[in-house]
């Protein structure tokens, strides 16, 4: 099978804007798609010149609004625009479009004959911007009018289960003369793992664009190239990933993929988003995933969806790592405990938490590992949570105090404030100043004596950290915890020290 191409989709208002983008990313792409539906009206009249300006293979696409594009002027006008763009063929084929995208229901014989005669490959496409598409292998075969055409199916999944079906269907495909893409955040694996889907190409977009292409799942070509090593992914590449929801941002792919590069491993680590952990495990079995990092909100659900739970994960009641062993059994581990313990003690500069009063903020999956660690480190803690019953359930396991996470618990919080450990996702991805929505302790006035450890690491300084630091507190984010637990995961996945 040939290696999938990276196609840069261009949505500038002028040809010059698009050429500037090409020049910036030329070394990281193989082909460009001119989205003429985004061009200004006067620019559309001269798109015939574009391939010569681009200096690389070009796809001509004039996408209708119903298919996720911007063209509104009707099929007659669109046909005329296609005809102008494909006319006056140049003997130097590099100065002509190499591909043209026609939708499944767009059949204009003169245009199709011209494209075939001029040596253009037709990408015959189906787009469903709202729903998944069933029977993908059959639909692809029906789409293909000849071996010279490349059938394309792009759909919007409702769940990871719909993405799983795309990988299931890909197993039925015999060549790489097709394109199958699941759109949106759920569909990102189909873009990175084009080789495993036997895709002809994947589409990418630069971060400079101001269109809906990011919303439908387009990745930055530099991210494809540098973070995921797209050009090195093969059908036999070992697959690992991180799962959670909504999993908007994570540093784990950078850490793990850098490790694979460092050790020369044929492996890749990708985000696998899902609201259902059961769907994740079913996807993993179909796609051939060998190991997963697990984050919010699935750490507790892991235990009911694997074959074997290792000792620490069982004692904690939560897992952040699952690995398929040599017998095909899924094993659950917890590397949060060791990662947190090492990073916390480095931050505090101590060997344990003896004689320390510790506030654990939150009672979710991450807090379970942290409470376990605090107990092992001989700390005296109080668990604070918005739902007091959950705080009580966790606290009573370790003989800790518990209280509601509210202004009513100020006195208790002051008592347990030597070390404050923020374990919730509150503040994640927030660049705003502290407020009730992004600061789990918005009601608490730091004195400057507290030591604050926030397990969130994006942004590097969360709103609560900024507020605590301003009061004179020593603060730390969760990046080192991520790093240390990630190193342990890497060894569980590969058998190699990071």
Protein backbone atom coordinates (compact mmCIF):
# COMPACT_ATOMS: atom_id res chain seq x y z
CA UNK A 1 0.00 0.00 0.00
CA UNK A 2 1.25 3.50 -0.81
CA UNK A 3 1.79 6.01 1.99
CA UNK A 4 -1.17 8.40 2.43
CA UNK A 5 -0.59 11.98 1.30
CA UNK A 6 -1.08 15.10 3.41
CA UNK A 7 -3.40 17.49 1.61
CA UNK A 8 -3.46 21.11 2.78
CA UNK A 9 -6.93 22.63 2.37
CA UNK A 10 -6.81 26.30 1.33
CA UNK A 11 -9.66 28.64 2.24
CA UNK A 12 -8.21 32.07 1.52
CA UNK A 13 -10.27 34.82 -0.08
CA UNK A 14 -7.56 35.43 -2.68
CA UNK A 15 -5.13 33.21 -4.56
CA UNK A 16 -2.24 35.17 -3.06
CA UNK A 17 -3.41 34.32 0.47
CA UNK A 18 -3.49 30.66 -0.50
CA UNK A 19 -0.04 30.77 -2.11
CA UNK A 20 1.41 32.39 1.01
CA UNK A 21 0.01 29.52 3.08
CA UNK A 22 1.46 26.94 0.67
CA UNK A 23 4.90 28.51 0.89
CA UNK A 24 4.79 28.37 4.68
CA UNK A 25 3.92 24.65 4.80
CA UNK A 26 5.38 23.39 1.52
CA UNK A 27 7.89 21.07 3.20
CA UNK A 28 5.19 19.31 5.22
CA UNK A 29 2.54 18.62 2.56
CA UNK A 30 2.16 16.58 -0.62
CA UNK A 31 -0.84 18.13 -2.31
CA UNK A 32 -3.12 21.17 -1.86
CA UNK A 33 -6.88 21.53 -2.17
CA UNK A 34 -8.04 24.87 -3.56
CA UNK A 35 -11.43 25.55 -2.01
CA UNK A 36 -12.61 27.91 -4.72
CA UNK A 37 -15.95 28.30 -2.90
CA UNK A 38 -14.11 30.49 -0.35
CA UNK A 39 -12.57 32.81 -2.95
CA UNK A 40 -13.83 36.30 -3.71
CA UNK A 41 -15.94 36.44 -6.88
CA UNK A 42 -13.25 38.12 -8.97
CA UNK A 43 -10.64 35.60 -7.81
CA UNK A 44 -12.83 32.70 -8.90
CA UNK A 45 -12.53 33.91 -12.50
CA UNK A 46 -8.77 33.22 -12.61
CA UNK A 47 -8.45 29.92 -10.72
CA UNK A 48 -7.13 28.32 -13.94
CA UNK A 49 -3.79 29.99 -13.09
CA UNK A 50 -3.56 28.45 -9.65
CA UNK A 51 -1.69 25.15 -10.33
CA UNK A 52 1.16 27.00 -12.01
CA UNK A 53 1.31 29.44 -9.10
CA UNK A 54 1.26 26.63 -6.52
CA UNK A 55 4.03 24.53 -8.01
CA UNK A 56 2.65 21.29 -6.59
CA UNK A 57 -0.28 18.90 -7.24
CA UNK A 58 -3.65 20.62 -6.75
CA UNK A 59 -7.19 19.47 -6.11
CA UNK A 60 -9.96 21.76 -7.36
CA UNK A 61 -12.98 21.79 -5.04
CA UNK A 62 -16.02 24.05 -5.28
CA UNK A 63 -18.06 22.85 -2.33
CA UNK A 64 -21.78 23.52 -1.97
CA UNK A 65 -23.22 24.83 1.28
CA UNK A 66 -25.17 21.61 1.85
CA UNK A 67 -21.88 19.68 1.78
CA UNK A 68 -20.13 21.99 4.23
CA UNK A 69 -18.90 24.56 1.69
CA UNK A 70 -19.62 28.17 0.82
CA UNK A 71 -20.93 28.00 -2.76
CA UNK A 72 -24.51 29.27 -3.03
CA UNK A 73 -24.91 30.31 -6.67
CA UNK A 74 -26.49 27.12 -8.03
CA UNK A 75 -25.32 24.13 -10.06
CA UNK A 76 -25.31 25.90 -13.43
CA UNK A 77 -22.91 28.55 -12.19
CA UNK A 78 -20.79 25.93 -10.46
CA UNK A 79 -20.54 23.91 -13.68
CA UNK A 80 -19.40 27.00 -15.58
CA UNK A 81 -16.75 27.69 -12.94
CA UNK A 82 -15.48 24.10 -13.14
CA UNK A 83 -15.35 24.39 -16.94
CA UNK A 84 -13.28 27.60 -16.83
CA UNK A 85 -10.88 26.10 -14.33
CA UNK A 86 -10.32 22.93 -16.34
CA UNK A 87 -10.14 24.50 -19.80
CA UNK A 88 -7.11 25.32 -21.97
CA UNK A 89 -5.05 22.34 -20.92
CA UNK A 90 -1.31 22.99 -20.71
CA UNK A 91 1.16 20.56 -22.23
CA UNK A 92 3.13 20.88 -18.99
CA UNK A 93 0.84 18.82 -16.75
CA UNK A 94 2.30 20.39 -13.60
CA UNK A 95 0.51 23.60 -14.61
CA UNK A 96 -2.89 21.86 -14.61
CA UNK A 97 -5.06 20.69 -11.74
CA UNK A 98 -4.22 17.09 -10.84
CA UNK A 99 -7.57 16.29 -9.22
CA UNK A 100 -11.11 17.60 -9.20
CA UNK A 101 -13.71 16.87 -6.50
CA UNK A 102 -17.20 16.05 -7.81
CA UNK A 103 -19.94 15.02 -5.38
CA UNK A 104 -21.85 11.76 -5.77
CA UNK A 105 -24.84 13.50 -7.38
CA UNK A 106 -22.83 15.85 -9.60
CA UNK A 107 -22.73 14.29 -13.05
CA UNK A 108 -21.93 16.63 -15.95
CA UNK A 109 -20.70 14.45 -18.80
CA UNK A 110 -18.68 17.17 -20.52
CA UNK A 111 -16.79 17.97 -17.33
CA UNK A 112 -16.18 14.33 -16.47
CA UNK A 113 -15.00 13.59 -20.03
CA UNK A 114 -12.71 16.62 -19.97
CA UNK A 115 -11.24 15.63 -16.62
CA UNK A 116 -10.57 12.10 -17.88
CA UNK A 117 -9.15 13.29 -21.18
CA UNK A 118 -6.83 15.76 -19.47
CA UNK A 119 -5.56 13.17 -17.01
CA UNK A 120 -7.24 14.61 -13.90
CA UNK A 121 -8.29 12.13 -11.26
CA UNK A 122 -11.85 12.62 -10.04
CA UNK A 123 -12.45 12.46 -6.28
CA UNK A 124 -16.06 11.30 -6.11
CA UNK A 125 -17.32 12.42 -2.73
CA UNK A 126 -20.16 11.99 -0.25
CA UNK A 127 -20.50 14.33 2.71
CA UNK A 128 -22.94 13.99 5.57
CA UNK A 129 -22.33 16.92 7.90
CA UNK A 130 -24.79 15.69 10.54
CA UNK A 131 -24.87 11.90 10.60
CA UNK A 132 -22.76 8.74 10.25
CA UNK A 133 -22.79 6.67 7.06
CA UNK A 134 -23.34 2.92 7.08
CA UNK A 135 -22.00 0.21 4.75
CA UNK A 136 -18.93 2.28 3.91
CA UNK A 137 -17.14 -0.39 1.87
CA UNK A 138 -20.20 -0.93 -0.34
CA UNK A 139 -20.81 2.79 -0.75
CA UNK A 140 -17.20 3.34 -1.80
CA UNK A 141 -17.45 0.64 -4.44
CA UNK A 142 -20.69 2.12 -5.82
CA UNK A 143 -19.11 5.58 -5.91
CA UNK A 144 -16.18 4.49 -8.06
CA UNK A 145 -17.14 4.78 -11.74
CA UNK A 146 -13.65 3.69 -12.82
CA UNK A 147 -10.27 2.82 -11.33
CA UNK A 148 -9.21 6.35 -12.17
CA UNK A 149 -11.69 7.79 -9.69
CA UNK A 150 -11.03 8.09 -5.95
CA UNK A 151 -14.20 7.57 -3.89
CA UNK A 152 -14.44 9.68 -0.73
CA UNK A 153 -16.82 9.40 2.23
CA UNK A 154 -16.82 12.03 4.99
CA UNK A 155 -19.39 11.81 7.77
CA UNK A 156 -20.19 13.24 11.20
CA UNK A 157 -20.12 10.52 13.89
CA UNK A 158 -22.51 10.67 16.83
CA UNK A 159 -20.29 8.48 19.01
CA UNK A 160 -16.96 6.67 18.92
CA UNK A 161 -18.93 3.59 17.92
CA UNK A 162 -19.53 5.24 14.51
CA UNK A 163 -15.78 5.82 14.14
CA UNK A 164 -15.16 2.18 15.07
CA UNK A 165 -17.34 1.10 12.15
CA UNK A 166 -15.10 3.05 9.77
CA UNK A 167 -12.09 1.03 10.94
CA UNK A 168 -14.14 -2.17 10.77
CA UNK A 169 -15.17 -1.40 7.18
CA UNK A 170 -11.59 -0.51 6.22
CA UNK A 171 -10.60 -4.12 6.84
CA UNK A 172 -12.76 -5.03 3.82
CA UNK A 173 -10.94 -2.62 1.49
CA UNK A 174 -8.23 -4.05 -0.75
CA UNK A 175 -6.34 -0.97 -1.91
CA UNK A 176 -5.53 2.61 -0.96
CA UNK A 177 -7.56 4.23 -3.72
CA UNK A 178 -10.22 5.75 -1.43
CA UNK A 179 -10.71 8.33 1.34
CA UNK A 180 -12.72 7.64 4.50
CA UNK A 181 -12.99 10.40 7.10
CA UNK A 182 -15.01 10.79 10.29
CA UNK A 183 -15.37 14.49 11.06
CA UNK A 184 -15.31 16.43 14.31
CA UNK A 185 -13.34 15.70 17.51
CA UNK A 186 -14.51 12.08 17.60
CA UNK A 187 -13.11 11.49 14.12
CA UNK A 188 -9.54 12.68 14.69
CA UNK A 189 -8.15 9.09 14.71
CA UNK A 190 -9.31 8.66 11.10
CA UNK A 191 -7.18 11.64 10.04
CA UNK A 192 -4.03 10.60 11.89
CA UNK A 193 -4.37 6.88 11.13
CA UNK A 194 -5.01 7.18 7.40
CA UNK A 195 -2.53 4.37 6.75
CA UNK A 196 -4.58 1.96 8.88
CA UNK A 197 -7.71 2.94 6.94
CA UNK A 198 -5.76 2.50 3.67
CA UNK A 199 -6.66 6.08 2.75
CA UNK A 200 -5.24 7.81 -0.31
CA UNK A 201 -4.79 11.05 1.64
CA UNK A 202 -5.74 13.00 4.73
CA UNK A 203 -6.81 16.64 4.86
CA UNK A 204 -5.07 19.25 7.01
CA UNK A 205 -5.55 22.96 7.62
CA UNK A 206 -3.20 25.66 8.90
CA UNK A 207 -3.95 27.35 12.24
CA UNK A 208 -4.26 30.67 10.41
CA UNK A 209 -7.64 29.77 8.91
CA UNK A 210 -10.87 31.30 10.19
CA UNK A 211 -13.35 28.74 8.86
CA UNK A 212 -15.23 25.74 10.21
CA UNK A 213 -12.51 23.31 9.15
CA UNK A 214 -11.10 23.01 12.68
CA UNK A 215 -14.58 22.20 13.94
CA UNK A 216 -14.86 19.30 11.49
CA UNK A 217 -11.55 17.91 12.70
CA UNK A 218 -8.83 19.22 10.38
CA UNK A 219 -5.39 19.12 12.01
CA UNK A 220 -2.44 21.44 11.54
CA UNK A 221 0.00 19.86 9.02
CA UNK A 222 2.88 20.58 11.42
CA UNK A 223 1.07 18.66 14.15
CA UNK A 224 0.53 15.73 11.80
CA UNK A 225 4.18 15.79 10.80
CA UNK A 226 5.92 16.60 14.09
CA UNK A 227 3.64 15.27 16.84
CA UNK A 228 2.23 12.19 15.15
CA UNK A 229 5.01 11.41 12.63
CA UNK A 230 2.26 10.87 10.04
CA UNK A 231 4.59 9.80 7.24
CA UNK A 232 5.99 6.95 9.36
CA UNK A 233 2.63 5.40 10.28
CA UNK A 234 2.02 2.10 8.51
CA UNK A 235 -0.68 -0.55 8.68
CA UNK A 236 1.52 -2.52 11.12
CA UNK A 237 2.38 0.47 13.36
CA UNK A 238 1.65 -0.26 17.03
CA UNK A 239 -1.21 1.91 18.25
CA UNK A 240 -1.59 3.53 21.68
CA UNK A 241 -3.67 6.46 22.83
CA UNK A 242 -5.30 8.59 25.46
CA UNK A 243 -9.02 8.57 26.12
CA UNK A 244 -11.34 10.88 28.02
CA UNK A 245 -14.10 13.41 27.46
CA UNK A 246 -14.11 16.08 26.19
CA UNK A 247 -10.28 15.82 26.09
CA UNK A 248 -9.93 19.20 24.39
CA UNK A 249 -6.21 19.52 25.09
CA UNK A 250 -3.60 17.04 26.29
CA UNK A 251 0.21 16.97 26.37
CA UNK A 252 0.37 13.15 26.47
CA UNK A 253 0.72 12.61 22.67
CA UNK A 254 3.81 14.84 22.65
CA UNK A 255 5.37 12.90 25.52
CA UNK A 256 4.68 9.40 24.21
CA UNK A 257 5.36 10.03 20.52
CA UNK A 258 8.66 11.73 21.38
CA UNK A 259 9.55 8.56 23.29
CA UNK A 260 8.76 6.35 20.28
CA UNK A 261 10.92 8.59 18.10
CA UNK A 262 13.74 8.55 20.64
CA UNK A 263 13.79 4.75 20.82
CA UNK A 264 13.13 4.13 17.11
CA UNK A 265 9.83 2.37 17.74
CA UNK A 266 7.22 1.77 15.05
CA UNK A 267 4.41 3.15 17.21
CA UNK A 268 2.02 6.10 17.47
CA UNK A 269 -0.10 7.54 20.29
CA UNK A 270 -3.34 9.38 19.44
CA UNK A 271 -6.31 10.99 21.22
CA UNK A 272 -9.42 8.80 21.31
CA UNK A 273 -12.36 10.84 22.58
CA UNK A 274 -15.56 9.29 23.88
CA UNK A 275 -18.24 9.85 26.49
CA UNK A 276 -18.48 6.07 26.93
CA UNK A 277 -15.52 4.00 28.13
CA UNK A 278 -17.26 0.86 26.91
CA UNK A 279 -17.18 2.35 23.39
CA UNK A 280 -13.47 3.06 23.85
CA UNK A 281 -12.69 -0.57 24.60
CA UNK A 282 -14.73 -1.78 21.64
CA UNK A 283 -12.96 0.73 19.39
CA UNK A 284 -9.59 -0.40 20.78
CA UNK A 285 -10.29 -4.02 19.87
CA UNK A 286 -11.31 -3.15 16.30
CA UNK A 287 -8.57 -0.57 15.63
CA UNK A 288 -5.83 -2.67 17.22
CA UNK A 289 -5.01 -0.40 20.17
CA UNK A 290 -2.44 -2.01 22.49
CA UNK A 291 -2.55 0.43 25.40
CA UNK A 292 -4.43 3.45 26.66
CA UNK A 293 -3.89 6.33 29.04
CA UNK A 294 -7.20 7.11 30.73
CA UNK A 295 -8.29 10.50 32.02
CA UNK A 296 -11.44 12.30 33.19
CA UNK A 297 -14.15 10.98 33.46
CA UNK A 298 -13.30 7.32 32.80
CA UNK A 299 -10.80 6.36 35.53
CA UNK A 300 -13.36 4.59 37.68
CA UNK A 301 -15.23 3.01 34.74
CA UNK A 302 -12.06 1.19 33.72
CA UNK A 303 -12.38 -1.37 36.50
CA UNK A 304 -15.68 -2.72 35.17
CA UNK A 305 -14.44 -2.98 31.58
CA UNK A 306 -11.14 -4.87 31.78
CA UNK A 307 -10.13 -8.47 32.44
CA UNK A 308 -7.52 -7.97 35.17
CA UNK A 309 -7.05 -5.14 37.69
CA UNK A 310 -3.57 -4.80 39.17
CA UNK A 311 -3.10 -4.29 42.93
CA UNK A 312 -2.66 -0.51 43.15
CA UNK A 313 -5.55 0.22 40.77
CA UNK A 314 -7.76 -2.13 42.76
CA UNK A 315 -6.84 -0.52 46.07
CA UNK A 316 -7.31 3.00 44.68
CA UNK A 317 -10.56 2.11 42.92
CA UNK A 318 -9.47 3.87 39.74
CA UNK A 319 -7.13 3.25 36.81
CA UNK A 320 -5.38 5.61 34.43
CA UNK A 321 -3.66 2.94 32.30
CA UNK A 322 -4.90 -0.12 30.43
CA UNK A 323 -2.67 -2.50 28.50
CA UNK A 324 -3.46 -5.52 26.36
CA UNK A 325 -1.16 -8.36 27.42
CA UNK A 326 0.33 -11.17 25.31
CA UNK A 327 -2.79 -13.27 25.91
CA UNK A 328 -5.13 -10.59 24.62
CA UNK A 329 -6.35 -9.69 28.11
CA UNK A 330 -6.85 -6.07 29.16
CA UNK A 331 -4.99 -5.17 32.36
CA UNK A 332 -5.69 -2.03 34.41
CA UNK A 333 -2.93 -0.17 36.26
CA UNK A 334 -2.66 3.07 38.19
CA UNK A 335 0.47 5.12 37.48
CA UNK A 336 -1.11 8.30 38.89
CA UNK A 337 -0.05 7.21 42.38
CA UNK A 338 3.67 7.01 41.64
CA UNK A 339 3.59 10.02 39.31
CA UNK A 340 1.81 12.19 41.86
CA UNK A 341 3.93 11.01 44.79
CA UNK A 342 7.23 11.76 43.06
CA UNK A 343 6.16 15.17 41.75
CA UNK A 344 4.54 16.25 45.05
CA UNK A 345 7.58 15.37 47.16
CA UNK A 346 9.87 17.18 44.72
CA UNK A 347 7.60 20.24 44.96
CA UNK A 348 7.46 20.16 48.76
CA UNK A 349 11.10 19.23 49.24
CA UNK A 350 10.18 16.59 51.85
CA UNK A 351 10.25 12.81 52.16
CA UNK A 352 6.66 12.48 53.36
CA UNK A 353 3.60 14.39 54.59
CA UNK A 354 4.00 13.64 58.30
CA UNK A 355 2.66 16.49 60.44
CA UNK A 356 1.08 18.13 57.38
CA UNK A 357 -2.60 19.09 57.20
CA UNK A 358 -3.69 18.41 53.62
CA UNK A 359 -6.80 19.58 51.75
CA UNK A 360 -7.82 17.35 48.86
CA UNK A 361 -10.12 19.31 46.54
CA UNK A 362 -12.45 17.00 44.64
CA UNK A 363 -13.50 13.37 44.96
CA UNK A 364 -13.32 12.04 41.40
CA UNK A 365 -11.08 9.44 39.77
CA UNK A 366 -7.87 11.47 40.10
CA UNK A 367 -8.54 12.27 43.76
CA UNK A 368 -8.75 8.57 44.54
CA UNK A 369 -5.11 8.07 43.57
CA UNK A 370 -4.10 11.23 45.38
CA UNK A 371 -5.90 10.29 48.62
CA UNK A 372 -4.21 6.89 48.45
CA UNK A 373 -0.82 8.61 48.05
CA UNK A 374 -1.46 11.10 50.86
CA UNK A 375 -2.31 8.25 53.22
CA UNK A 376 0.83 6.33 52.25
CA UNK A 377 2.87 9.52 52.81
CA UNK A 378 1.46 9.78 56.37
CA UNK A 379 -0.54 12.93 55.70
CA UNK A 380 -3.62 14.00 57.67
CA UNK A 381 -6.22 15.10 55.15
CA UNK A 382 -9.71 16.44 54.62
CA UNK A 383 -11.56 15.79 51.35
CA UNK A 384 -13.64 18.69 50.03
CA UNK A 385 -16.20 18.12 47.33
CA UNK A 386 -19.35 19.83 46.05
CA UNK A 387 -21.24 16.60 46.58
CA UNK A 388 -20.53 15.94 50.26
CA UNK A 389 -21.56 12.29 50.05
CA UNK A 390 -18.79 11.59 47.52
CA UNK A 391 -16.30 13.37 49.77
CA UNK A 392 -17.45 11.22 52.67
CA UNK A 393 -17.19 7.98 50.68
CA UNK A 394 -13.60 8.72 49.69
CA UNK A 395 -12.52 10.13 53.07
CA UNK A 396 -13.81 7.19 55.07
CA UNK A 397 -11.66 4.75 53.08
CA UNK A 398 -8.55 6.37 54.53
CA UNK A 399 -9.83 7.71 57.85
CA UNK A 400 -9.76 11.32 56.58
CA UNK A 401 -12.14 14.17 57.40
CA UNK A 402 -14.56 15.42 54.78
CA UNK A 403 -16.51 18.61 54.07
CA UNK A 404 -18.51 20.32 51.36
CA UNK A 405 -16.58 22.39 48.84
CA UNK A 406 -18.32 25.65 49.68
CA UNK A 407 -17.93 28.86 51.70
CA UNK A 408 -19.51 27.07 54.67
CA UNK A 409 -16.32 24.99 54.99
CA UNK A 410 -13.90 27.91 55.29
CA UNK A 411 -12.90 27.07 58.86
CA UNK A 412 -12.18 23.44 57.99
CA UNK A 413 -10.24 24.51 54.93
CA UNK A 414 -8.11 26.89 56.97
CA UNK A 415 -7.31 24.02 59.35
CA UNK A 416 -6.23 21.74 56.49
CA UNK A 417 -4.28 24.26 54.46
CA UNK A 418 -0.60 23.36 54.83
CA UNK A 419 -0.83 21.64 51.47
CA UNK A 420 -3.81 22.13 49.14
CA UNK A 421 -4.14 19.62 46.31
CA UNK A 422 -6.58 20.63 43.57
CA UNK A 423 -7.69 17.42 41.80
CA UNK A 424 -10.67 18.57 39.71
CA UNK A 425 -10.71 19.71 36.07
CA UNK A 426 -11.88 23.19 37.12
CA UNK A 427 -9.57 25.74 35.53
CA UNK A 428 -8.51 23.48 32.68
CA UNK A 429 -8.08 25.39 29.40
CA UNK A 430 -9.02 28.65 31.13
CA UNK A 431 -6.92 31.75 30.43
CA UNK A 432 -9.27 34.08 32.31
CA UNK A 433 -8.78 35.60 35.74
CA UNK A 434 -10.06 33.66 38.73
CA UNK A 435 -13.85 33.39 39.01
CA UNK A 436 -16.47 31.01 40.35
CA UNK A 437 -16.39 28.94 37.15
CA UNK A 438 -12.65 28.38 36.80
CA UNK A 439 -11.39 28.43 40.41
CA UNK A 440 -12.53 25.60 42.70
CA UNK A 441 -11.58 27.68 45.79
CA UNK A 442 -12.87 31.04 44.56
CA UNK A 443 -14.30 31.69 48.06
CA UNK A 444 -11.02 31.11 49.91
CA UNK A 445 -8.48 33.87 50.63
CA UNK A 446 -4.93 32.53 50.48
CA UNK A 447 -2.64 33.73 53.26
CA UNK A 448 0.64 33.07 51.45
CA UNK A 449 1.57 30.18 53.74
CA UNK A 450 -0.26 27.48 51.78
CA UNK A 451 1.48 25.24 49.24
CA UNK A 452 -0.83 24.66 46.28
CA UNK A 453 -0.50 21.68 43.93
CA UNK A 454 -2.94 21.80 41.00
CA UNK A 455 -3.01 18.61 38.91
CA UNK A 456 -4.20 20.64 35.89
CA UNK A 457 -1.32 21.56 33.56
CA UNK A 458 -3.13 23.37 30.73
CA UNK A 459 -2.70 26.28 31.09
CA UNK A 460 0.65 26.11 32.87
CA UNK A 461 -0.64 28.66 35.39
CA UNK A 462 -4.30 28.04 36.19
CA UNK A 463 -6.53 30.78 37.64
CA UNK A 464 -6.29 29.33 41.15
CA UNK A 465 -2.51 29.08 40.86
CA UNK A 466 -2.22 32.69 39.71
CA UNK A 467 -4.35 33.87 42.61
CA UNK A 468 -2.42 31.80 45.17
CA UNK A 469 0.97 32.89 43.81
CA UNK A 470 -0.10 36.54 43.99
CA UNK A 471 -0.74 36.00 47.72
CA UNK A 472 2.77 34.61 48.17
CA UNK A 473 2.02 30.89 48.05
CA UNK A 474 4.36 28.36 46.50
CA UNK A 475 2.47 26.74 43.60
CA UNK A 476 2.93 23.83 41.21
CA UNK A 477 0.93 22.49 38.26
CA UNK A 478 0.43 18.87 37.26
CA UNK A 479 2.92 18.65 34.39
CA UNK A 480 5.57 16.75 36.35
CA UNK A 481 2.87 14.39 37.58
CA UNK A 482 1.87 13.85 33.94
CA UNK A 483 5.50 13.31 32.98
CA UNK A 484 6.32 10.79 35.69
CA UNK A 485 3.13 8.77 35.34
CA UNK A 486 3.63 8.93 31.56
CA UNK A 487 7.12 7.46 31.83
CA UNK A 488 5.68 4.54 33.78
CA UNK A 489 2.91 4.10 31.20
CA UNK A 490 5.50 4.12 28.43
CA UNK A 491 7.31 1.21 30.07
CA UNK A 492 4.05 -0.69 30.56
CA UNK A 493 3.22 -0.14 26.88
CA UNK A 494 6.61 -0.91 25.36
CA UNK A 495 8.71 -2.68 27.99
CA UNK A 496 11.34 0.07 27.61
CA UNK A 497 12.44 2.75 30.08
CA UNK A 498 11.48 6.15 28.68
